[in-house]
Amino acid sequence: MKVIFKTKVGTGQKREKKRRSKYDLTGRNFKCRQCNKSYLSYPALYTHSKTKHPAGLSSAKNLRGRPRKVNKTFVVKKHQNFFDFPERQGSTYEPLKVLFKTIVKLEKEIGWGLYTPDEHPLIQSLQNKKETCDNAFINYCIYAAKFTNEVFFEKLCAVILGYRECLNRYGWQKLAEEQYEDVKREDSGSGSPRVSGSVECAIKRKSVGKDYAANNGAEKLPEVANEFVLLFAKEYNLGVPKKEIIDITMNMCEWMFEKKYSKTQLALIC
């Protein structure tokens, strides 16, 4: 799948990572010919050779030097300027009525048939106030309604509802992948299919009959942006042009980052 978004931990934000032990031999495929030490990457091996075996480095033909970094252009769109277009600004309306109408429209046209408007978790999150993806979604909708006209707000609601269903499809798997990596870091001897399968089974048992968006925080929300734009939005016609889907997705994720719902910042690859 060709990606159009890059996710990164934003400035001033840190994810908790555990440093791998020097006794962890998994994945150390780059070996020094001078002392037989092994490393996880070629740059690490080159640095070792340069500092510990400089004489051998100068005569070695197979060491090509530390690879250059390839500069790519990444654009982070600030959400404050997102609504400064005449076609997006305008009239007074009732946001919840527009959201209700969009729920009914998508449930009927796409055939999800999961909820009535009153029962929809987005509406329910207005009352329970739990710190879930649904709570973040509805708060973003309320924020966006202050700056947009009814026509554009209806498009925005369609994208939010579609993104929510995409998150329900891919979110549990993203969570399983993260927890599997945590297990591997904690125990270097556990990188086996048995452990991978046990973590995935545990996630599956937890996810049976549950929406990811209604039961988890928004930390991983930006991580399904590529799946949403490139796969999900093609499978289901949300009635919104692709460019606007990308713009709304970028704006929503930037808002989530600024409001600290997620530590992950989304950037558009140019």
Protein backbone atom coordinates (compact mmCIF):
# COMPACT_ATOMS: atom_id res chain seq x y z
CA MET A 1 0.00 0.00 0.00
CA LYS A 2 1.46 3.36 -1.04
CA VAL A 3 1.34 5.70 1.94
CA ILE A 4 0.48 9.40 1.78
CA PHE A 5 0.87 10.16 5.48
CA LYS A 6 3.80 9.85 7.84
CA THR A 7 3.25 9.66 11.59
CA LYS A 8 5.78 10.95 14.08
CA VAL A 9 5.94 11.75 17.77
CA GLY A 10 5.48 15.49 18.02
CA THR A 11 7.93 18.01 19.43
CA GLY A 12 8.02 17.86 23.19
CA GLN A 13 6.25 14.50 23.23
CA LYS A 14 7.89 11.19 24.07
CA ARG A 15 6.70 7.65 23.76
CA GLU A 16 7.80 5.24 26.40
CA LYS A 17 10.42 2.97 24.86
CA LYS A 18 12.59 0.40 26.54
CA ARG A 19 16.22 0.20 25.41
CA ARG A 20 17.17 -3.21 24.09
CA SER A 21 19.66 -5.15 26.19
CA LYS A 22 23.16 -5.71 24.79
CA TYR A 23 22.55 -9.40 25.49
CA ASP A 24 19.56 -9.46 23.15
CA LEU A 25 20.89 -11.15 20.01
CA THR A 26 17.62 -11.05 18.05
CA GLY A 27 17.98 -9.21 14.74
CA ARG A 28 21.72 -8.44 15.12
CA ASN A 29 22.67 -9.34 11.56
CA PHE A 30 25.55 -6.90 11.06
CA LYS A 31 28.77 -8.50 12.38
CA CYS A 32 32.20 -6.95 12.81
CA ARG A 33 34.92 -8.94 11.07
CA GLN A 34 37.55 -7.71 13.52
CA CYS A 35 36.01 -8.76 16.85
CA ASN A 36 32.80 -10.61 15.91
CA LYS A 37 30.51 -8.19 17.71
CA SER A 38 27.07 -7.87 16.10
CA TYR A 39 24.75 -4.89 15.61
CA LEU A 40 21.16 -4.16 14.63
CA SER A 41 22.01 -1.83 11.73
CA TYR A 42 24.80 -1.01 9.31
CA PRO A 43 25.29 2.56 10.65
CA ALA A 44 25.87 1.10 14.13
CA LEU A 45 28.44 -1.36 12.75
CA TYR A 46 30.19 1.43 10.84
CA THR A 47 30.42 3.62 13.95
CA HIS A 48 31.87 0.70 15.92
CA SER A 49 34.47 -0.02 13.21
CA LYS A 50 35.41 3.65 12.94
CA THR A 51 36.01 4.05 16.69
CA LYS A 52 37.40 0.61 17.60
CA HIS A 53 39.16 -0.53 14.43
CA PRO A 54 40.14 2.59 12.43
CA ALA A 55 43.12 0.83 10.79
CA GLY A 56 40.98 -2.03 9.59
CA LEU A 57 38.31 0.40 8.37
CA SER A 58 40.67 2.20 6.01
CA SER A 59 41.71 -1.05 4.36
CA ALA A 60 38.26 -2.63 4.25
CA LYS A 61 36.65 -2.63 0.82
CA ASN A 62 33.22 -3.78 1.84
CA LEU A 63 32.52 -0.92 4.27
CA ARG A 64 30.90 1.85 2.26
CA GLY A 65 30.62 4.48 5.02
CA ARG A 66 27.62 5.69 6.98
CA PRO A 67 24.72 6.05 4.51
CA ARG A 68 23.46 9.53 3.79
CA LYS A 69 20.06 10.54 5.03
CA VAL A 70 17.48 10.98 2.28
CA ASN A 71 15.64 14.23 2.74
CA LYS A 72 11.90 13.98 2.14
CA THR A 73 9.43 16.80 2.40
CA PHE A 74 6.77 16.45 5.05
CA VAL A 75 4.00 18.98 5.51
CA VAL A 76 2.18 19.46 8.80
CA LYS A 77 -0.94 21.54 8.17
CA LYS A 78 -1.96 23.75 11.07
CA HIS A 79 -5.65 23.38 11.80
CA GLN A 80 -6.17 27.07 12.68
CA ASN A 81 -6.02 28.06 8.99
CA PHE A 82 -8.08 25.15 7.75
CA PHE A 83 -11.43 26.96 7.87
CA ASP A 84 -10.21 30.25 6.32
CA PHE A 85 -11.87 29.60 2.95
CA PRO A 86 -15.12 31.23 1.79
CA GLU A 87 -16.62 27.90 0.69
CA ARG A 88 -16.18 26.51 4.21
CA GLN A 89 -17.43 29.48 6.21
CA GLY A 90 -20.96 30.70 6.60
CA SER A 91 -24.36 30.03 8.00
CA THR A 92 -25.81 29.32 11.44
CA TYR A 93 -27.22 25.82 11.99
CA GLU A 94 -27.63 23.11 14.62
CA PRO A 95 -24.60 20.79 14.45
CA LEU A 96 -26.27 17.82 16.14
CA LYS A 97 -29.13 17.85 13.62
CA VAL A 98 -26.59 17.76 10.78
CA LEU A 99 -24.72 14.92 12.50
CA PHE A 100 -28.00 13.01 12.99
CA LYS A 101 -28.86 13.50 9.31
CA THR A 102 -25.42 12.28 8.20
CA ILE A 103 -25.65 9.19 10.42
CA VAL A 104 -29.03 8.26 8.90
CA LYS A 105 -27.75 8.91 5.36
CA LEU A 106 -24.61 6.78 5.69
CA GLU A 107 -26.35 3.97 7.56
CA LYS A 108 -28.90 3.78 4.75
CA GLU A 109 -26.73 4.38 1.66
CA ILE A 110 -23.66 2.40 2.72
CA GLY A 111 -25.62 -0.25 4.54
CA TRP A 112 -23.75 -0.30 7.82
CA GLY A 113 -27.08 -0.48 9.67
CA LEU A 114 -25.37 -0.48 13.03
CA TYR A 115 -27.05 2.33 14.94
CA THR A 116 -29.95 4.70 15.05
CA PRO A 117 -28.83 8.32 15.62
CA ASP A 118 -29.88 8.29 19.29
CA GLU A 119 -27.98 5.05 19.93
CA HIS A 120 -24.82 6.03 18.06
CA PRO A 121 -21.73 6.01 20.36
CA LEU A 122 -20.74 9.48 19.13
CA ILE A 123 -24.00 10.88 20.51
CA GLN A 124 -23.73 8.76 23.65
CA SER A 125 -20.23 10.12 24.31
CA LEU A 126 -21.73 13.57 24.91
CA GLN A 127 -23.23 12.17 28.11
CA ASN A 128 -20.68 9.68 29.45
CA LYS A 129 -17.63 12.00 29.03
CA LYS A 130 -15.19 9.08 28.93
CA GLU A 131 -11.81 9.80 27.36
CA THR A 132 -12.36 7.65 24.29
CA CYS A 133 -11.94 8.10 20.54
CA ASP A 134 -15.66 8.87 20.35
CA ASN A 135 -15.29 11.65 22.88
CA ALA A 136 -12.41 13.10 20.83
CA PHE A 137 -14.42 12.80 17.60
CA ILE A 138 -17.50 14.57 18.96
CA ASN A 139 -15.43 17.35 20.52
CA TYR A 140 -13.72 17.94 17.20
CA CYS A 141 -17.12 18.13 15.48
CA ILE A 142 -18.31 20.70 18.04
CA TYR A 143 -15.12 22.71 17.50
CA ALA A 144 -15.40 22.60 13.69
CA ALA A 145 -19.08 23.64 13.73
CA LYS A 146 -18.06 27.06 15.07
CA PHE A 147 -16.23 27.91 11.85
CA THR A 148 -18.04 26.07 9.04
CA ASN A 149 -21.24 26.32 7.06
CA GLU A 150 -23.78 23.50 7.04
CA VAL A 151 -22.76 22.07 3.66
CA PHE A 152 -19.11 21.67 4.60
CA PHE A 153 -19.94 20.49 8.12
CA GLU A 154 -22.02 17.66 6.65
CA LYS A 155 -18.97 16.55 4.63
CA LEU A 156 -16.84 16.75 7.76
CA CYS A 157 -19.34 14.59 9.67
CA ALA A 158 -19.28 11.98 6.89
CA VAL A 159 -15.47 11.81 7.07
CA ILE A 160 -15.54 11.52 10.88
CA LEU A 161 -18.12 8.72 10.79
CA GLY A 162 -16.16 6.90 8.08
CA TYR A 163 -12.89 7.33 9.98
CA ARG A 164 -14.55 5.92 13.08
CA GLU A 165 -15.62 2.76 11.24
CA CYS A 166 -12.12 2.44 9.76
CA LEU A 167 -10.64 2.73 13.26
CA ASN A 168 -12.96 -0.03 14.47
CA ARG A 169 -11.65 -2.23 11.65
CA TYR A 170 -7.91 -1.60 12.05
CA GLY A 171 -7.52 -0.22 15.59
CA TRP A 172 -7.48 -3.54 17.46
CA GLN A 173 -4.77 -4.86 15.12
CA LYS A 174 -2.66 -1.72 15.67
CA LEU A 175 -3.03 -2.25 19.41
CA ALA A 176 -2.01 -5.92 19.10
CA GLU A 177 1.09 -4.99 17.10
CA GLU A 178 2.15 -2.43 19.71
CA GLN A 179 1.65 -4.85 22.62
CA TYR A 180 3.54 -7.60 20.77
CA GLU A 181 6.51 -5.24 20.33
CA ASP A 182 6.35 -4.43 24.05
CA VAL A 183 6.48 -8.15 24.89
CA LYS A 184 9.49 -8.64 22.60
CA ARG A 185 11.35 -5.77 24.24
CA GLU A 186 10.63 -7.05 27.74
CA ASP A 187 11.71 -10.58 26.98
CA SER A 188 14.12 -11.08 24.10
CA GLY A 189 13.39 -14.78 24.09
CA SER A 190 9.68 -14.25 23.43
CA GLY A 191 9.81 -13.17 19.80
CA SER A 192 8.24 -16.43 18.71
CA PRO A 193 5.01 -17.14 16.80
CA ARG A 194 3.57 -18.57 20.03
CA VAL A 195 3.94 -15.25 21.85
CA SER A 196 2.74 -13.29 18.83
CA GLY A 197 -0.30 -15.52 18.62
CA SER A 198 -1.06 -15.29 22.34
CA VAL A 199 -0.96 -11.48 22.26
CA GLU A 200 -3.20 -11.39 19.20
CA CYS A 201 -5.64 -13.85 20.77
CA ALA A 202 -5.82 -11.76 23.92
CA ILE A 203 -6.64 -8.68 21.85
CA LYS A 204 -9.26 -10.60 19.88
CA ARG A 205 -10.97 -11.80 23.06
CA LYS A 206 -11.00 -8.22 24.32
CA SER A 207 -12.38 -6.85 21.05
CA VAL A 208 -15.26 -9.30 20.46
CA GLY A 209 -18.47 -7.33 20.05
CA LYS A 210 -16.80 -4.03 20.96
CA ASP A 211 -16.12 -0.90 18.96
CA TYR A 212 -12.51 0.18 19.23
CA ALA A 213 -13.54 3.85 19.18
CA ALA A 214 -15.93 3.46 22.10
CA ASN A 215 -13.51 1.53 24.32
CA ASN A 216 -10.08 3.06 23.76
CA GLY A 217 -8.38 6.44 23.91
CA ALA A 218 -7.38 8.38 20.80
CA GLU A 219 -3.61 7.77 21.03
CA LYS A 220 -3.54 5.46 18.00
CA LEU A 221 -6.19 7.37 16.06
CA PRO A 222 -3.77 9.00 13.54
CA GLU A 223 -2.12 5.65 12.78
CA VAL A 224 -4.99 4.44 10.55
CA ALA A 225 -4.98 7.56 8.33
CA ASN A 226 -3.39 5.77 5.37
CA GLU A 227 -5.79 2.83 5.63
CA PHE A 228 -8.71 5.25 5.79
CA VAL A 229 -7.81 7.36 2.74
CA LEU A 230 -6.32 4.65 0.52
CA LEU A 231 -8.51 1.65 1.39
CA PHE A 232 -11.61 2.43 3.43
CA ALA A 233 -12.71 5.60 1.60
CA LYS A 234 -12.43 3.72 -1.70
CA GLU A 235 -14.47 0.79 -0.42
CA TYR A 236 -17.25 3.03 0.93
CA ASN A 237 -18.46 6.12 -0.90
CA LEU A 238 -18.71 8.85 1.72
CA GLY A 239 -19.85 11.43 -0.82
CA VAL A 240 -16.76 13.59 -0.23
CA PRO A 241 -13.97 14.27 -2.79
CA LYS A 242 -10.63 12.63 -2.01
CA LYS A 243 -8.82 15.97 -1.59
CA GLU A 244 -11.31 17.10 1.06
CA ILE A 245 -11.07 13.70 2.78
CA ILE A 246 -7.30 14.18 3.04
CA ASP A 247 -7.68 17.79 4.23
CA ILE A 248 -10.24 16.92 6.91
CA THR A 249 -8.17 13.94 8.07
CA MET A 250 -5.07 16.13 8.38
CA ASN A 251 -6.96 18.85 10.22
CA MET A 252 -8.64 16.43 12.63
CA CYS A 253 -5.35 14.69 13.51
CA GLU A 254 -3.53 18.00 14.01
CA TRP A 255 -6.33 19.15 16.32
CA MET A 256 -6.11 15.83 18.23
CA PHE A 257 -2.39 16.37 18.66
CA GLU A 258 -2.73 19.96 19.83
CA LYS A 259 -5.44 19.04 22.33
CA LYS A 260 -3.25 16.18 23.61
CA TYR A 261 -5.64 13.40 22.69
CA SER A 262 -2.67 11.83 20.88
CA LYS A 263 1.10 12.23 21.00
CA THR A 264 1.35 11.34 17.33
CA GLN A 265 1.52 14.07 14.71
CA LEU A 266 0.42 13.42 11.14
CA ALA A 267 2.41 14.80 8.20
CA LEU A 268 1.57 14.70 4.49
CA ILE A 269 4.28 13.22 2.28
CA CYS A 270 4.96 15.47 -0.74
